[in-house]
Amino acid sequence: MNMRAPFLAFEPVDALAALCKASGDSLRLNILRALANDSFGVLELAQIFATGQSGISHHLKVLAQAGLVATRREGNAIFYRRALAQGEQLGSRLHSALLDEVDQLQLPVEIQQRIAAVHRQRAAASQAFFTRSAASFQAQQDLIAGLPQYRDSVLALLDSLDFAADACAVEVGPGDGGFLPELARRFQRVLALDNSAAMLELARLRCAEECLDNVALQLADALHDDYPAADCLVLNMVLHHFAAPAEALKQLAQHLKPGGSLLITELCSHNQSWAREACGDLWLGFEQDDLARWASAAELNTCESLYVGLRNGFQIQVRHFAKPSTPQGPRAATIDHSQEPER
C-alpha cells in the first residue's frame, strides 16, 4: 500500500524555531548585546569578537533569519543593527523577552575594549578628515545642506523655547562659526567646542569679525572632556561624525542642566555615499525613530521636530530633546515641513 504522510503547515512553528535557534548560542547573544545601541559592519564585528569573517557572517545570517538583526547599506558598506519586535507578529513576545534578557547581560571586558577600539578608529578617521580638509569643508558641506537651508527652522524652534535671560548655550562642532552669532544674540554666554584645531580657528576668525565678546572657544572632546553644563546644547550637522551616535547622546545629556534642551539638526537617512568622501560623514543620516530611541536611552524626552525637504534629494530633521526637570517630561509633538515647497 502506498501511504503518503499528511501535509502539515510548519511555517509558524519554523518561525519560533528560528528564534530559539538564534538564541541558542552565546556568541550570537553577545552580538545582540553589542548591537543594542550601535551598528557594525562584518569586519568590525569580526574584530570585536576575534572571530573570522566567515564565522561572523554565519552567525549574522542565523540572527537575520530569525528577524533579530537588520541591515542598512552605508555607501558600499553594510552595517548590522538590532531589529525590534514587530507588534502582534508571531514570536514578537518571545523576541521582546529575549532582547530584554540580553540587555541585562554584561559584555565581557575584552569585548568592551575591542568595541572601544573600533570607536577610536572611526573617530580618528573623522578627525583626520577635518585636519586635512578644514579650508574646503564648508564648501563641500554646502553641496549637501548648508546653514542657510536650515537656519530659519532651527531659530524658529530655538525661539519657541523661551530661555531665561541668563541662560547659556554650548555648540558642539561649530564648523566655521556661522551659527555662533545667532546663539550670541540669544544667550548670555556661549561656548563653542571642537576637537579639530583647524576648524576651531575658522570659528575664532568668525567671532573676531562679528565682535562676539560673549562667545568662548575650547579645543575639546565634547564627549569626554570637562565643560560647564548648559541650558541648551546645539549640534548642527555634527552627529553623523560621531563614532557611536547613541553613546554620544548619553554623554551629551550629562552636560545639560535639568530642564535643558538638546537641539540636533541632522540629515534623514539617505544613500548618497559620496558624502563620505566629500564631507567625512561616518553615517549617511539617521532614521527619525533611531534618534528618538537613543534620546530615550539617554533619559531625554522627545519634543518638537521639524522636517525640511531639500531640492538635492536630502531631507533635514531638526529635533528637540529635553532633559526633564521633573519626573514627568513634556509630551512629544511633531511639525512636518517635508511637504513645503522646495527651497
Protein backbone atom coordinates (compact mmCIF):
# COMPACT_ATOMS: atom_id res chain seq x y z
CA MET A 1 0.00 0.00 0.00
CA ASN A 2 1.34 3.41 -0.94
CA MET A 3 0.78 5.70 2.03
CA ARG A 4 1.71 9.35 1.92
CA ALA A 5 2.27 11.48 5.01
CA PRO A 6 -0.40 14.13 5.51
CA PHE A 7 0.55 17.66 4.57
CA LEU A 8 1.37 19.80 7.60
CA ALA A 9 1.97 23.56 7.57
CA PHE A 10 5.03 24.15 9.70
CA GLU A 11 5.62 27.83 8.90
CA PRO A 12 4.53 29.31 12.27
CA VAL A 13 6.50 26.68 14.17
CA ASP A 14 9.52 27.31 11.94
CA ALA A 15 9.46 31.00 12.81
CA LEU A 16 9.55 30.23 16.53
CA ALA A 17 12.21 27.59 15.97
CA ALA A 18 14.39 30.17 14.18
CA LEU A 19 14.15 32.47 17.20
CA CYS A 20 15.06 29.63 19.56
CA LYS A 21 17.95 28.55 17.34
CA ALA A 22 19.30 32.09 17.11
CA SER A 23 19.26 32.47 20.90
CA GLY A 24 20.93 29.11 21.49
CA ASP A 25 24.49 30.37 21.05
CA SER A 26 26.48 32.57 23.43
CA LEU A 27 28.32 34.40 20.65
CA ARG A 28 25.05 35.33 18.96
CA LEU A 29 23.67 36.63 22.26
CA ASN A 30 26.79 38.75 22.71
CA ILE A 31 26.39 40.09 19.17
CA LEU A 32 22.84 41.15 20.03
CA ARG A 33 24.12 42.81 23.18
CA ALA A 34 26.80 44.70 21.23
CA LEU A 35 24.16 45.88 18.74
CA ALA A 36 21.85 47.26 21.44
CA ASN A 37 22.58 50.91 20.55
CA ASP A 38 25.15 50.62 17.82
CA SER A 39 25.64 49.19 14.36
CA PHE A 40 28.72 47.50 12.96
CA GLY A 41 29.98 46.06 9.71
CA VAL A 42 31.03 42.44 9.37
CA LEU A 43 34.73 43.26 9.58
CA GLU A 44 34.18 45.36 12.70
CA LEU A 45 32.24 42.55 14.35
CA ALA A 46 34.98 40.10 13.38
CA GLN A 47 37.47 42.41 15.12
CA ILE A 48 35.25 42.86 18.18
CA PHE A 49 34.67 39.14 18.70
CA ALA A 50 38.09 37.99 17.49
CA THR A 51 36.38 35.63 15.06
CA GLY A 52 36.92 35.01 11.36
CA GLN A 53 34.77 36.93 8.90
CA SER A 54 33.09 33.78 7.59
CA GLY A 55 32.14 32.71 11.12
CA ILE A 56 30.65 36.11 11.95
CA SER A 57 28.77 36.11 8.64
CA HIS A 58 27.24 32.72 9.51
CA HIS A 59 26.04 33.93 12.92
CA LEU A 60 24.62 37.11 11.39
CA LYS A 61 22.74 35.02 8.82
CA VAL A 62 21.14 32.98 11.61
CA LEU A 63 20.18 36.14 13.50
CA ALA A 64 18.78 37.71 10.33
CA GLN A 65 16.68 34.63 9.52
CA ALA A 66 15.16 34.93 12.98
CA GLY A 67 14.40 38.61 12.42
CA LEU A 68 16.73 39.64 15.26
CA VAL A 69 19.07 41.79 13.17
CA ALA A 70 18.50 44.06 10.21
CA THR A 71 20.91 45.55 7.70
CA ARG A 72 21.46 49.03 6.45
CA ARG A 73 23.63 49.96 3.50
CA GLU A 74 26.02 52.88 4.11
CA GLY A 75 27.52 53.54 0.69
CA ASN A 76 29.36 50.36 -0.27
CA ALA A 77 29.32 49.00 3.28
CA ILE A 78 26.58 47.03 5.00
CA PHE A 79 26.01 47.63 8.71
CA TYR A 80 24.11 45.32 11.02
CA ARG A 81 21.80 46.60 13.70
CA ARG A 82 19.43 45.00 16.14
CA ALA A 83 15.84 44.64 14.92
CA LEU A 84 12.97 45.38 17.26
CA ALA A 85 9.96 43.12 17.70
CA GLN A 86 7.09 43.83 15.31
CA GLY A 87 3.81 44.35 17.16
CA GLU A 88 1.50 41.35 17.08
CA GLN A 89 3.65 39.33 14.68
CA LEU A 90 4.13 35.70 15.64
CA GLY A 91 7.04 35.41 18.06
CA SER A 92 7.11 39.10 18.92
CA ARG A 93 6.66 38.45 22.64
CA LEU A 94 9.49 35.93 22.62
CA HIS A 95 11.58 38.38 20.56
CA SER A 96 10.98 41.21 23.06
CA ALA A 97 11.62 38.98 26.07
CA LEU A 98 14.88 37.76 24.54
CA LEU A 99 16.15 41.31 23.96
CA ASP A 100 15.09 42.33 27.47
CA GLU A 101 17.09 39.47 28.91
CA VAL A 102 20.08 40.18 26.66
CA ASP A 103 20.11 43.79 27.85
CA GLN A 104 20.66 42.56 31.40
CA LEU A 105 23.91 40.88 30.34
CA GLN A 106 27.30 42.47 30.78
CA LEU A 107 29.62 42.10 27.80
CA PRO A 108 33.00 40.57 28.66
CA VAL A 109 35.63 43.23 29.36
CA GLU A 110 37.77 42.27 26.38
CA ILE A 111 34.80 42.69 24.04
CA GLN A 112 34.03 46.10 25.52
CA GLN A 113 37.65 47.07 24.93
CA ARG A 114 37.51 45.96 21.30
CA ILE A 115 34.28 47.93 20.77
CA ALA A 116 36.05 50.98 22.19
CA ALA A 117 38.93 50.34 19.78
CA VAL A 118 36.53 50.29 16.82
CA HIS A 119 35.02 53.56 18.01
CA ARG A 120 38.50 55.09 18.30
CA GLN A 121 39.31 54.01 14.76
CA ARG A 122 36.15 55.68 13.48
CA ALA A 123 36.84 58.85 15.48
CA ALA A 124 40.44 59.02 14.27
CA ALA A 125 39.29 58.78 10.65
CA SER A 126 36.83 61.62 11.21
CA GLN A 127 39.35 63.84 12.96
CA ALA A 128 41.95 63.21 10.25
CA PHE A 129 39.43 64.32 7.64
CA PHE A 130 38.80 67.65 9.38
CA THR A 131 42.51 68.24 9.91
CA ARG A 132 43.25 67.98 6.20
CA SER A 133 40.01 69.47 4.87
CA ALA A 134 39.17 72.41 7.14
CA ALA A 135 39.66 75.03 4.43
CA SER A 136 37.33 73.36 1.94
CA PHE A 137 34.90 71.70 4.33
CA GLN A 138 32.19 74.36 4.31
CA ALA A 139 32.04 74.46 0.52
CA GLN A 140 31.68 70.68 0.47
CA GLN A 141 29.05 70.76 3.22
CA ASP A 142 27.02 73.29 1.24
CA LEU A 143 26.66 70.69 -1.51
CA ILE A 144 24.53 68.67 0.91
CA ALA A 145 22.92 71.05 3.39
CA GLY A 146 24.41 74.43 4.16
CA LEU A 147 23.40 76.54 7.14
CA PRO A 148 21.12 78.85 5.08
CA GLN A 149 18.96 75.83 4.23
CA TYR A 150 18.05 75.06 7.83
CA ARG A 151 18.95 78.18 9.83
CA ASP A 152 15.40 79.59 9.96
CA SER A 153 13.95 76.26 11.11
CA VAL A 154 16.48 75.93 13.92
CA LEU A 155 15.93 79.53 15.01
CA ALA A 156 12.15 79.11 14.99
CA LEU A 157 12.47 76.12 17.26
CA LEU A 158 15.07 77.81 19.44
CA ASP A 159 12.99 80.97 19.89
CA SER A 160 9.94 78.94 20.87
CA LEU A 161 11.74 77.55 23.93
CA ASP A 162 11.82 80.84 25.85
CA PHE A 163 15.14 80.55 27.67
CA ALA A 164 15.89 82.73 30.67
CA ALA A 165 17.88 85.92 30.18
CA ASP A 166 20.94 84.43 31.89
CA ALA A 167 20.84 81.10 30.01
CA CYS A 168 24.00 79.66 28.50
CA ALA A 169 24.48 77.57 25.36
CA VAL A 170 27.09 75.19 24.01
CA GLU A 171 27.54 74.48 20.31
CA VAL A 172 29.37 71.25 19.56
CA GLY A 173 31.27 71.27 16.27
CA PRO A 174 30.57 74.89 15.21
CA GLY A 175 32.29 74.48 11.83
CA ASP A 176 33.25 77.90 10.55
CA GLY A 177 31.19 79.54 13.31
CA GLY A 178 28.28 80.56 11.10
CA PHE A 179 25.65 79.83 13.77
CA LEU A 180 27.55 81.40 16.69
CA PRO A 181 26.28 84.97 16.05
CA GLU A 182 22.69 83.71 16.37
CA LEU A 183 23.47 81.98 19.65
CA ALA A 184 25.38 85.02 20.94
CA ARG A 185 22.29 87.18 20.43
CA ARG A 186 20.08 84.77 22.37
CA PHE A 187 22.23 83.61 25.27
CA GLN A 188 24.24 85.38 27.93
CA ARG A 189 27.18 83.03 27.44
CA VAL A 190 28.08 80.72 24.56
CA LEU A 191 30.77 78.05 24.44
CA ALA A 192 31.90 76.54 21.14
CA LEU A 193 33.60 73.13 21.34
CA ASP A 194 35.58 71.38 18.62
CA ASN A 195 38.21 68.65 18.68
CA SER A 196 39.80 69.99 15.49
CA ALA A 197 42.17 72.93 15.97
CA ALA A 198 41.90 73.81 12.29
CA MET A 199 38.09 74.02 12.40
CA LEU A 200 38.15 75.93 15.69
CA GLU A 201 40.44 78.53 14.14
CA LEU A 202 37.80 79.19 11.47
CA ALA A 203 35.23 79.75 14.21
CA ARG A 204 37.66 82.05 16.03
CA LEU A 205 38.03 84.21 12.93
CA ARG A 206 34.24 84.44 12.63
CA CYS A 207 33.91 85.54 16.26
CA ALA A 208 36.55 88.21 15.73
CA GLU A 209 34.81 89.53 12.61
CA GLU A 210 31.44 89.64 14.39
CA CYS A 211 32.91 91.02 17.67
CA LEU A 212 31.25 88.24 19.66
CA ASP A 213 32.56 89.03 23.13
CA ASN A 214 30.24 86.56 24.91
CA VAL A 215 31.48 83.53 22.97
CA ALA A 216 34.32 81.35 24.24
CA LEU A 217 36.02 78.69 22.15
CA GLN A 218 37.53 75.50 23.53
CA LEU A 219 39.56 72.79 21.87
CA ALA A 220 37.94 69.76 23.47
CA ASP A 221 36.20 66.44 23.00
CA ALA A 222 32.55 67.13 23.78
CA LEU A 223 32.01 63.56 24.96
CA HIS A 224 34.98 63.09 27.27
CA ASP A 225 36.38 66.48 28.33
CA ASP A 226 35.02 68.75 31.06
CA TYR A 227 32.97 71.86 30.36
CA PRO A 228 30.12 73.64 32.17
CA ALA A 229 26.58 72.27 32.00
CA ALA A 230 24.40 74.20 29.56
CA ASP A 231 20.79 75.26 29.29
CA CYS A 232 20.97 74.46 25.58
CA LEU A 233 23.25 72.17 23.59
CA VAL A 234 23.30 72.61 19.80
CA LEU A 235 24.59 70.14 17.19
CA ASN A 236 24.17 71.25 13.59
CA MET A 237 25.16 68.53 11.11
CA VAL A 238 27.56 67.02 13.63
CA LEU A 239 26.06 63.77 14.94
CA HIS A 240 26.88 61.86 11.74
CA HIS A 241 30.57 62.46 12.50
CA PHE A 242 30.42 60.67 15.87
CA ALA A 243 31.75 57.12 16.01
CA ALA A 244 28.87 55.93 18.25
CA PRO A 245 25.88 58.32 17.95
CA ALA A 246 23.72 56.60 20.58
CA GLU A 247 26.50 56.71 23.15
CA ALA A 248 27.18 60.32 22.15
CA LEU A 249 23.63 61.32 23.12
CA LYS A 250 24.10 59.72 26.54
CA GLN A 251 27.32 61.64 27.12
CA LEU A 252 25.89 64.94 25.87
CA ALA A 253 22.82 64.59 28.07
CA GLN A 254 25.11 64.66 31.10
CA HIS A 255 26.18 68.17 30.11
CA LEU A 256 22.61 69.51 30.14
CA LYS A 257 21.13 71.27 33.14
CA PRO A 258 17.80 69.88 34.42
CA GLY A 259 15.13 71.24 32.10
CA GLY A 260 17.75 71.94 29.43
CA SER A 261 17.34 71.37 25.70
CA LEU A 262 19.36 69.44 23.14
CA LEU A 263 18.83 70.69 19.57
CA ILE A 264 20.03 68.43 16.78
CA THR A 265 19.97 69.25 13.09
CA GLU A 266 20.67 66.17 11.01
CA LEU A 267 20.07 64.53 7.69
CA CYS A 268 17.45 61.85 7.46
CA SER A 269 18.74 58.52 6.18
CA HIS A 270 19.98 58.69 2.58
CA ASN A 271 22.05 56.58 0.21
CA GLN A 272 24.34 59.20 -1.35
CA SER A 273 27.66 57.65 -0.41
CA TRP A 274 29.73 60.44 -1.97
CA ALA A 275 29.07 62.37 1.25
CA ARG A 276 31.60 60.11 2.97
CA GLU A 277 34.46 61.26 0.79
CA ALA A 278 33.31 64.85 0.33
CA CYS A 279 32.38 65.65 3.94
CA GLY A 280 33.90 62.90 6.05
CA ASP A 281 30.50 61.58 7.13
CA LEU A 282 30.69 58.38 9.14
CA TRP A 283 26.92 57.83 8.84
CA LEU A 284 24.58 58.59 5.94
CA GLY A 285 21.94 60.33 8.03
CA PHE A 286 19.68 58.76 10.64
CA GLU A 287 16.21 57.31 10.93
CA GLN A 288 13.90 59.56 12.94
CA ASP A 289 12.87 56.70 15.21
CA ASP A 290 16.51 55.88 15.97
CA LEU A 291 17.20 59.38 17.26
CA ALA A 292 14.10 59.23 19.46
CA ARG A 293 15.07 55.80 20.79
CA TRP A 294 18.64 56.88 21.53
CA ALA A 295 17.37 60.01 23.27
CA SER A 296 15.07 57.92 25.43
CA ALA A 297 18.03 55.71 26.41
CA ALA A 298 19.82 58.93 27.38
CA GLU A 299 16.83 59.85 29.61
CA LEU A 300 15.77 62.70 27.35
CA ASN A 301 12.23 63.44 26.24
CA THR A 302 11.41 63.78 22.55
CA CYS A 303 9.76 67.14 21.91
CA GLU A 304 9.13 69.25 18.80
CA SER A 305 10.52 68.19 15.43
CA LEU A 306 10.74 69.95 12.08
CA TYR A 307 11.35 68.24 8.74
CA VAL A 308 12.62 70.30 5.84
CA GLY A 309 12.73 68.97 2.28
CA LEU A 310 15.65 69.94 0.04
CA ARG A 311 15.91 70.17 -3.70
CA ASN A 312 19.01 67.95 -3.93
CA GLY A 313 17.20 64.90 -2.54
CA PHE A 314 18.21 65.21 1.10
CA GLN A 315 15.80 65.82 3.94
CA ILE A 316 16.77 67.62 7.13
CA GLN A 317 15.37 66.85 10.55
CA VAL A 318 15.55 69.48 13.29
CA ARG A 319 14.96 67.74 16.62
CA HIS A 320 14.41 68.99 20.15
CA PHE A 321 15.12 66.70 23.09
CA ALA A 322 14.64 67.88 26.67
CA LYS A 323 16.20 66.81 29.94
CA PRO A 324 13.39 66.51 32.50
CA SER A 325 13.36 68.96 35.36
CA THR A 326 10.63 66.87 36.99
CA PRO A 327 9.76 63.15 36.67
CA GLN A 328 7.02 63.96 34.15
CA GLY A 329 8.58 65.27 30.94
CA PRO A 330 6.90 67.07 28.02
CA ARG A 331 4.80 65.17 25.54
CA ALA A 332 6.16 64.71 22.06
CA ALA A 333 4.92 66.86 19.22
CA THR A 334 5.83 66.88 15.55
CA ILE A 335 5.60 69.60 12.94
CA ASP A 336 6.19 68.10 9.50
CA HIS A 337 7.54 70.55 6.92
CA SER A 338 8.55 67.87 4.45
CA GLN A 339 5.78 68.85 2.06
CA GLU A 340 6.74 72.52 1.99
CA PRO A 341 7.85 73.96 -1.37
CA GLU A 342 11.46 73.13 -2.19
CA ARG A 343 13.88 75.89 -1.47
